[in-house]
Amino acid sequence: MDFMLTEEQKMLRDTFREFSQKELTKEYVRWLDENCDFPPEDMVRKIADLGFFGISIPEEYGGAGAGMFDLCVALEELATASVAMAISMGLTPAFGGRPVAELGTEEQKREHLPKIAEGKEKWCMALTEPAGGTDILGAIATTAARDGDAYVVNGSKMFISGAHVADWILLIAITDKEVKRSKGLSVFIVDARSPGVTINLIDKVGIHACGTTEIFFEDVRVPAADLLGSENMGWYHILGTLNPERIGTSMLSLGIAKAAFDDALQYAKDRTAFGKPIGQFQIIQHYLADIAIEIENARNLIYKCAWLCDAGERYDVEATMAKIVACRASEKAALHGMEIFGGYGFTMEYDMQRYFRDYKQMMFSPISDEMSMNYIAQSYGLPKSY
């Protein structure tokens, strides 16, 4: 693995870094957190104009034809400036672009991929249900019953990011109740404006500018032509989305960690106590050094996963590790950052409180750290645990 970015990747990084510094200022990001459940459309268009949504779309469908690594390069800059912006913008490439490119018919690709590349479609994924997310095979109850040239969907989904603004929903539902659950799921492209679809926002503690929702499906008719991939193969299909999602989620945590570290470092240089900058005190230096180590470990592992993904190698275990390592980096950065700021870290005037609120979402999404640890242990031959 070559740790050096290519000239094209450096240009991509610099483009999104300069954009973030200019457009995603601290004042703007605070305004987003306090006033929005999704970034305004004018900001979405600016990011689309940079080519973000087309980075990993094949060239024949209007994209740049790059891979996960390049997408991470851009996403890192957005996540460091605003994790809410990064997750909002990352939904469509993750849950629209990649699944359609990998599983779609030629007709589905030509209908959706060019629009995704141009930023003209918004997507979300509806997998988690009220009864569970990590245990989706045991919790899933939403059904899609064949009825002539359509499927009729009934059920509900929970904690779905961005559904309230989505044009299309990547839906996973039961299509065969009689077989083992992993062999009876299918994936569908659902028009979010279909009759029978109801979407409600959920109040939450952090990442306010990317709303989370619950979705209800009541006799929703989905054309059979909008089945994505093969019927009853949905579980195996969706793994091609879930593993890259863990890379993206890790990058979100990394962005929070970097932002919290930058703020804490600057505060340690500026704040004085007992006649000295607090950054001269050993405990403060150790806090910052600990955070820096976690950030470096997380970043290296994330980009290794992206490299493995693009090389067509297996990376499910590494992506699960990256999810945990990056979460720990964001947690340490937020907790130590609060300590470094002291009482000011507990005020709404400073951004440290937002990092503290935001990092928690990635601790259990898209899979809890505890279940991630179980998965890693099982990969080394240990029995399945709960």
Protein backbone atom coordinates (compact mmCIF):
# COMPACT_ATOMS: atom_id res chain seq x y z
CA MET A 1 0.00 0.00 0.00
CA ASP A 2 1.33 3.41 -1.03
CA PHE A 3 0.59 6.03 1.61
CA MET A 4 1.24 8.90 -0.80
CA LEU A 5 -1.74 10.51 -2.48
CA THR A 6 -1.62 10.85 -6.25
CA GLU A 7 -1.57 14.34 -7.72
CA GLU A 8 -5.25 13.96 -8.59
CA GLN A 9 -6.08 12.93 -5.03
CA LYS A 10 -4.12 15.87 -3.64
CA MET A 11 -6.13 18.19 -5.88
CA LEU A 12 -9.34 16.54 -4.68
CA ARG A 13 -8.28 16.96 -1.04
CA ASP A 14 -7.28 20.59 -1.55
CA THR A 15 -10.51 21.38 -3.38
CA PHE A 16 -12.70 20.09 -0.55
CA ARG A 17 -10.42 21.52 2.13
CA GLU A 18 -10.57 24.99 0.62
CA PHE A 19 -14.32 24.68 0.12
CA SER A 20 -14.82 23.61 3.74
CA GLN A 21 -12.70 26.44 5.08
CA LYS A 22 -14.59 28.98 3.00
CA GLU A 23 -18.17 27.69 3.16
CA LEU A 24 -18.38 25.48 6.26
CA THR A 25 -17.18 28.05 8.75
CA LYS A 26 -17.67 27.54 12.46
CA GLU A 27 -20.49 30.09 12.42
CA TYR A 28 -22.28 28.35 9.55
CA VAL A 29 -21.92 24.89 11.12
CA ARG A 30 -23.33 26.20 14.42
CA TRP A 31 -26.26 27.68 12.50
CA LEU A 32 -26.85 24.31 10.81
CA ASP A 33 -26.89 22.53 14.17
CA GLU A 34 -29.33 24.98 15.68
CA ASN A 35 -31.71 25.46 12.75
CA CYS A 36 -31.65 22.61 10.21
CA ASP A 37 -32.59 18.96 9.92
CA PHE A 38 -30.73 18.75 6.59
CA PRO A 39 -28.32 21.10 4.83
CA PRO A 40 -30.02 23.79 2.68
CA GLU A 41 -30.37 23.03 -1.02
CA ASP A 42 -28.03 25.83 -2.06
CA MET A 43 -25.23 24.18 -0.07
CA VAL A 44 -26.07 20.78 -1.54
CA ARG A 45 -25.77 22.31 -5.02
CA LYS A 46 -22.37 23.79 -4.22
CA ILE A 47 -21.09 20.39 -3.13
CA ALA A 48 -22.64 18.80 -6.21
CA ASP A 49 -20.84 21.35 -8.39
CA LEU A 50 -17.55 20.15 -6.89
CA GLY A 51 -18.35 16.69 -8.25
CA PHE A 52 -18.74 14.99 -4.86
CA PHE A 53 -21.72 12.84 -5.77
CA GLY A 54 -20.08 11.55 -8.92
CA ILE A 55 -16.70 10.60 -7.44
CA SER A 56 -17.43 6.87 -7.35
CA ILE A 57 -20.01 6.73 -10.17
CA PRO A 58 -18.70 4.94 -13.30
CA GLU A 59 -17.61 7.27 -16.09
CA GLU A 60 -20.13 5.86 -18.56
CA TYR A 61 -22.90 7.16 -16.30
CA GLY A 62 -21.49 10.63 -15.82
CA GLY A 63 -19.20 10.10 -12.84
CA ALA A 64 -15.47 10.29 -12.24
CA GLY A 65 -15.07 6.51 -12.05
CA ALA A 66 -12.94 6.69 -8.90
CA GLY A 67 -13.26 4.44 -5.88
CA MET A 68 -13.78 4.37 -2.14
CA PHE A 69 -10.34 5.82 -1.43
CA ASP A 70 -11.04 9.01 -3.38
CA LEU A 71 -14.48 9.32 -1.82
CA CYS A 72 -12.82 9.11 1.62
CA VAL A 73 -10.38 11.87 0.69
CA ALA A 74 -13.26 14.26 0.03
CA LEU A 75 -15.39 12.98 2.90
CA GLU A 76 -12.60 13.51 5.43
CA GLU A 77 -12.52 17.23 4.67
CA LEU A 78 -16.30 17.58 4.93
CA ALA A 79 -16.44 15.51 8.15
CA THR A 80 -13.72 17.57 9.82
CA ALA A 81 -15.67 20.76 9.10
CA SER A 82 -19.12 19.33 9.85
CA VAL A 83 -20.02 15.73 10.56
CA ALA A 84 -23.67 16.53 9.86
CA MET A 85 -22.75 17.82 6.41
CA ALA A 86 -20.61 14.76 5.73
CA ILE A 87 -23.26 12.23 6.72
CA SER A 88 -25.96 14.12 4.81
CA MET A 89 -23.89 14.24 1.64
CA GLY A 90 -22.63 10.68 2.04
CA LEU A 91 -26.07 9.08 2.11
CA THR A 92 -26.68 9.16 -1.64
CA PRO A 93 -23.31 7.75 -2.79
CA ALA A 94 -23.54 5.03 -0.12
CA PHE A 95 -27.18 4.00 -0.47
CA GLY A 96 -27.91 5.02 -4.05
CA GLY A 97 -24.80 5.15 -6.17
CA ARG A 98 -22.99 2.04 -4.96
CA PRO A 99 -25.96 -0.38 -4.73
CA VAL A 100 -27.39 0.64 -8.11
CA ALA A 101 -23.98 0.47 -9.79
CA GLU A 102 -23.29 -3.00 -8.35
CA LEU A 103 -26.76 -4.58 -8.48
CA GLY A 104 -28.86 -2.58 -10.90
CA THR A 105 -30.11 -3.54 -14.33
CA GLU A 106 -28.90 -1.44 -17.22
CA GLU A 107 -32.23 0.38 -17.20
CA GLN A 108 -31.93 1.13 -13.46
CA LYS A 109 -28.36 2.35 -13.89
CA ARG A 110 -29.27 4.69 -16.73
CA GLU A 111 -32.28 6.03 -14.85
CA HIS A 112 -30.51 6.80 -11.56
CA LEU A 113 -26.72 6.97 -11.82
CA PRO A 114 -26.44 10.09 -14.03
CA LYS A 115 -28.85 11.95 -11.73
CA ILE A 116 -26.97 10.81 -8.65
CA ALA A 117 -23.68 11.99 -10.17
CA GLU A 118 -25.21 15.42 -10.79
CA GLY A 119 -26.65 15.65 -7.27
CA LYS A 120 -30.21 15.58 -8.57
CA GLU A 121 -31.37 12.62 -6.49
CA LYS A 122 -31.27 12.03 -2.74
CA TRP A 123 -31.27 8.51 -1.29
CA CYS A 124 -31.53 6.83 2.09
CA MET A 125 -31.46 3.20 3.24
CA ALA A 126 -34.31 1.64 5.23
CA LEU A 127 -32.92 -1.41 7.03
CA THR A 128 -33.13 -0.96 10.83
CA GLU A 129 -36.52 -1.67 12.43
CA PRO A 130 -38.12 -0.77 15.78
CA ALA A 131 -37.23 -4.22 17.16
CA GLY A 132 -33.53 -3.94 16.36
CA GLY A 133 -30.74 -2.92 14.04
CA THR A 134 -27.66 -4.99 14.80
CA ASP A 135 -29.89 -8.10 15.02
CA ILE A 136 -31.63 -7.24 11.77
CA LEU A 137 -32.13 -10.85 10.71
CA GLY A 138 -34.02 -11.48 13.94
CA ALA A 139 -35.75 -8.11 14.11
CA ILE A 140 -36.90 -7.50 10.56
CA ALA A 141 -40.67 -7.76 10.06
CA THR A 142 -41.35 -5.52 7.04
CA THR A 143 -42.72 -7.59 4.17
CA ALA A 144 -42.99 -7.20 0.42
CA ALA A 145 -45.62 -9.54 -1.03
CA ARG A 146 -45.77 -10.10 -4.79
CA ASP A 147 -49.05 -8.98 -6.35
CA GLY A 148 -49.03 -9.15 -10.14
CA ASP A 149 -46.51 -6.69 -11.55
CA ALA A 150 -45.78 -5.14 -8.15
CA TYR A 151 -44.82 -5.88 -4.56
CA VAL A 152 -46.99 -4.65 -1.70
CA VAL A 153 -44.92 -3.42 1.24
CA ASN A 154 -46.10 -3.28 4.83
CA GLY A 155 -44.08 -2.55 7.96
CA SER A 156 -41.94 0.13 9.54
CA LYS A 157 -38.32 1.23 9.76
CA MET A 158 -36.56 3.14 12.53
CA PHE A 159 -33.56 5.48 12.82
CA ILE A 160 -33.32 6.13 9.08
CA SER A 161 -31.07 9.08 8.24
CA GLY A 162 -32.27 11.57 5.67
CA ALA A 163 -35.52 9.85 4.68
CA HIS A 164 -37.50 13.08 5.14
CA VAL A 165 -35.68 14.66 2.19
CA ALA A 166 -35.00 11.53 0.14
CA ASP A 167 -36.36 10.99 -3.35
CA TRP A 168 -35.64 7.25 -3.21
CA ILE A 169 -35.48 4.68 -0.43
CA LEU A 170 -33.24 1.62 -0.61
CA LEU A 171 -35.58 -0.80 1.18
CA ILE A 172 -34.79 -4.23 2.58
CA ALA A 173 -37.87 -6.38 3.20
CA ILE A 174 -38.96 -10.01 3.63
CA THR A 175 -40.11 -11.63 0.39
CA ASP A 176 -40.15 -15.26 1.57
CA LYS A 177 -41.35 -15.96 5.11
CA GLU A 178 -40.90 -19.71 4.86
CA VAL A 179 -37.13 -19.94 4.54
CA LYS A 180 -34.19 -19.01 6.74
CA ARG A 181 -34.33 -15.23 7.07
CA SER A 182 -30.99 -14.62 5.32
CA LYS A 183 -32.38 -16.44 2.28
CA GLY A 184 -35.71 -14.61 2.20
CA LEU A 185 -34.88 -10.90 1.97
CA SER A 186 -34.93 -8.66 -1.09
CA VAL A 187 -33.81 -5.13 -1.90
CA PHE A 188 -36.10 -2.57 -3.55
CA ILE A 189 -35.89 0.93 -4.94
CA VAL A 190 -38.89 2.74 -3.48
CA ASP A 191 -40.15 6.16 -4.50
CA ALA A 192 -40.27 8.06 -1.21
CA ARG A 193 -43.40 9.89 -2.39
CA SER A 194 -45.37 6.69 -2.98
CA PRO A 195 -48.89 6.53 -1.50
CA GLY A 196 -48.75 4.74 1.84
CA VAL A 197 -45.29 6.00 2.83
CA THR A 198 -45.25 8.10 6.02
CA ILE A 199 -42.03 9.63 7.33
CA ASN A 200 -41.61 11.30 10.72
CA LEU A 201 -38.57 13.03 12.20
CA ILE A 202 -37.19 11.82 15.53
CA ASP A 203 -35.82 14.28 18.10
CA LYS A 204 -32.25 13.36 18.96
CA VAL A 205 -29.30 14.63 20.98
CA GLY A 206 -26.72 15.25 18.27
CA ILE A 207 -26.03 15.59 14.53
CA HIS A 208 -29.11 17.78 14.28
CA ALA A 209 -28.43 18.89 10.71
CA CYS A 210 -28.93 15.36 9.40
CA GLY A 211 -32.35 14.34 10.58
CA THR A 212 -33.17 10.79 11.64
CA THR A 213 -36.61 9.38 10.93
CA GLU A 214 -39.10 6.59 11.31
CA ILE A 215 -40.85 5.29 8.18
CA PHE A 216 -44.19 3.54 7.93
CA PHE A 217 -45.21 1.51 4.88
CA GLU A 218 -48.93 0.79 4.51
CA ASP A 219 -49.86 -1.20 1.39
CA VAL A 220 -47.17 0.58 -0.62
CA ARG A 221 -47.05 -0.73 -4.19
CA VAL A 222 -43.53 -1.04 -5.59
CA PRO A 223 -43.21 -1.99 -9.27
CA ALA A 224 -41.54 -5.36 -9.77
CA ALA A 225 -39.12 -3.56 -12.09
CA ASP A 226 -37.78 -1.77 -8.99
CA LEU A 227 -36.49 -4.97 -7.41
CA LEU A 228 -32.73 -4.42 -7.07
CA GLY A 229 -30.73 -7.56 -7.73
CA SER A 230 -32.27 -11.01 -7.37
CA GLU A 231 -35.33 -11.84 -5.31
CA ASN A 232 -34.53 -13.40 -1.91
CA MET A 233 -30.82 -12.62 -2.27
CA GLY A 234 -31.10 -9.27 -0.49
CA TRP A 235 -29.05 -10.18 2.56
CA TYR A 236 -26.06 -11.12 0.45
CA HIS A 237 -26.58 -8.13 -1.82
CA ILE A 238 -26.74 -5.65 1.04
CA LEU A 239 -23.40 -6.77 2.49
CA GLY A 240 -21.83 -4.89 -0.41
CA THR A 241 -23.40 -1.75 1.08
CA LEU A 242 -22.93 -2.44 4.80
CA ASN A 243 -19.16 -2.94 4.67
CA PRO A 244 -18.47 0.31 2.78
CA GLU A 245 -20.90 2.01 5.17
CA ARG A 246 -18.58 1.09 8.03
CA ILE A 247 -15.71 2.80 6.25
CA GLY A 248 -17.83 5.92 5.81
CA THR A 249 -19.04 5.86 9.40
CA SER A 250 -15.43 5.54 10.57
CA MET A 251 -14.57 8.65 8.57
CA LEU A 252 -17.38 10.55 10.30
CA SER A 253 -15.90 9.66 13.68
CA LEU A 254 -12.46 10.67 12.46
CA GLY A 255 -13.81 14.06 11.41
CA ILE A 256 -15.23 14.68 14.88
CA ALA A 257 -11.94 13.62 16.48
CA LYS A 258 -9.90 15.94 14.27
CA ALA A 259 -12.20 18.90 14.84
CA ALA A 260 -12.23 18.40 18.62
CA PHE A 261 -8.44 17.99 18.66
CA ASP A 262 -7.88 21.18 16.66
CA ASP A 263 -10.11 23.19 19.00
CA ALA A 264 -8.54 21.70 22.13
CA LEU A 265 -5.00 22.27 20.84
CA GLN A 266 -5.68 25.91 20.06
CA TYR A 267 -7.36 26.44 23.43
CA ALA A 268 -4.36 24.86 25.19
CA LYS A 269 -2.10 27.39 23.47
CA ASP A 270 -4.30 30.39 24.20
CA ARG A 271 -5.60 29.72 27.73
CA THR A 272 -3.33 30.61 30.65
CA ALA A 273 -3.39 29.46 34.26
CA PHE A 274 -0.85 30.05 37.01
CA GLY A 275 1.02 32.35 34.67
CA LYS A 276 1.54 29.75 31.93
CA PRO A 277 -0.31 28.47 28.86
CA ILE A 278 -2.22 25.39 30.01
CA GLY A 279 -0.59 23.53 27.11
CA GLN A 280 2.62 23.65 29.16
CA PHE A 281 1.08 21.41 31.81
CA GLN A 282 2.03 17.78 31.38
CA ILE A 283 -1.49 16.39 31.81
CA ILE A 284 -2.82 18.62 29.03
CA GLN A 285 0.02 17.57 26.74
CA HIS A 286 -0.71 13.92 27.52
CA TYR A 287 -4.41 14.41 26.74
CA LEU A 288 -3.54 15.93 23.38
CA ALA A 289 -0.91 13.32 22.61
CA ASP A 290 -3.40 10.54 23.36
CA ILE A 291 -5.92 12.07 20.97
CA ALA A 292 -3.29 12.54 18.26
CA ILE A 293 -2.28 8.87 18.51
CA GLU A 294 -5.89 7.71 18.22
CA ILE A 295 -6.47 9.95 15.20
CA GLU A 296 -3.40 8.62 13.41
CA ASN A 297 -4.35 5.00 14.11
CA ALA A 298 -7.91 5.55 12.93
CA ARG A 299 -6.93 7.40 9.78
CA ASN A 300 -4.43 4.75 8.73
CA LEU A 301 -6.89 1.92 9.25
CA ILE A 302 -9.71 3.71 7.44
CA TYR A 303 -7.62 4.34 4.35
CA LYS A 304 -6.32 0.77 4.44
CA CYS A 305 -9.94 -0.40 4.32
CA ALA A 306 -10.69 1.94 1.43
CA TRP A 307 -7.63 0.64 -0.41
CA LEU A 308 -8.69 -2.98 0.18
CA CYS A 309 -12.21 -2.16 -1.01
CA ASP A 310 -10.93 -0.65 -4.26
CA ALA A 311 -8.52 -3.58 -4.76
CA GLY A 312 -11.40 -6.04 -4.54
CA GLU A 313 -9.97 -7.68 -1.43
CA ARG A 314 -11.92 -8.76 1.63
CA TYR A 315 -12.04 -6.04 4.29
CA ASP A 316 -15.08 -6.74 6.47
CA VAL A 317 -13.02 -7.41 9.61
CA GLU A 318 -10.74 -4.43 9.02
CA ALA A 319 -13.75 -2.15 8.42
CA THR A 320 -15.27 -3.33 11.69
CA MET A 321 -11.98 -2.61 13.44
CA ALA A 322 -11.85 0.85 11.85
CA LYS A 323 -15.34 1.59 13.11
CA ILE A 324 -14.26 0.86 16.69
CA VAL A 325 -10.89 2.61 16.49
CA ALA A 326 -12.38 5.76 14.97
CA CYS A 327 -15.21 5.80 17.52
CA ARG A 328 -12.67 5.62 20.32
CA ALA A 329 -10.72 8.46 18.75
CA SER A 330 -13.81 10.67 18.63
CA GLU A 331 -14.80 9.70 22.16
CA LYS A 332 -11.35 10.43 23.58
CA ALA A 333 -11.17 13.72 21.67
CA ALA A 334 -14.58 14.85 22.91
CA LEU A 335 -14.06 13.76 26.52
CA HIS A 336 -10.50 15.07 26.84
CA GLY A 337 -11.52 18.16 24.91
CA MET A 338 -14.24 18.86 27.46
CA GLU A 339 -11.67 18.47 30.25
CA ILE A 340 -9.22 20.83 28.55
CA PHE A 341 -11.90 23.48 28.07
CA GLY A 342 -13.10 23.10 31.65
CA GLY A 343 -16.34 24.96 32.34
CA TYR A 344 -16.30 26.56 28.89
CA GLY A 345 -16.56 23.12 27.31
CA PHE A 346 -19.95 22.73 28.97
CA THR A 347 -21.33 25.93 27.48
CA MET A 348 -23.16 26.26 24.18
CA GLU A 349 -20.82 29.10 23.21
CA TYR A 350 -18.06 26.66 22.27
CA ASP A 351 -18.21 23.81 19.77
CA MET A 352 -16.80 21.17 22.11
CA GLN A 353 -20.28 20.47 23.44
CA ARG A 354 -21.40 19.65 19.89
CA TYR A 355 -18.56 17.20 19.35
CA PHE A 356 -19.54 15.64 22.69
CA ARG A 357 -23.14 15.29 21.51
CA ASP A 358 -22.31 14.16 17.98
CA TYR A 359 -19.76 11.41 18.56
CA LYS A 360 -22.26 9.18 20.37
CA GLN A 361 -24.30 8.44 17.25
CA MET A 362 -21.44 6.48 15.69
CA MET A 363 -20.92 4.43 18.86
CA PHE A 364 -23.99 2.34 18.03
CA SER A 365 -24.48 3.08 14.35
CA PRO A 366 -24.47 1.22 12.02
CA ILE A 367 -23.47 -1.52 14.49
CA SER A 368 -22.68 -1.26 18.17
CA ASP A 369 -19.06 -1.41 19.28
CA GLU A 370 -19.84 -4.44 21.42
CA MET A 371 -21.26 -6.43 18.51
CA SER A 372 -18.35 -5.26 16.40
CA MET A 373 -15.97 -6.76 18.93
CA ASN A 374 -17.91 -10.03 18.80
CA TYR A 375 -17.66 -10.08 15.00
CA ILE A 376 -13.89 -9.53 15.12
CA ALA A 377 -13.43 -12.29 17.69
CA GLN A 378 -15.48 -14.71 15.61
CA SER A 379 -13.30 -13.98 12.59
CA TYR A 380 -10.43 -15.57 14.54
CA GLY A 381 -12.36 -18.79 15.04
CA LEU A 382 -14.10 -18.14 18.35
CA PRO A 383 -17.76 -19.23 18.73
CA LYS A 384 -20.60 -16.79 18.13
CA SER A 385 -21.36 -14.75 21.23
CA TYR A 386 -24.12 -12.37 22.33
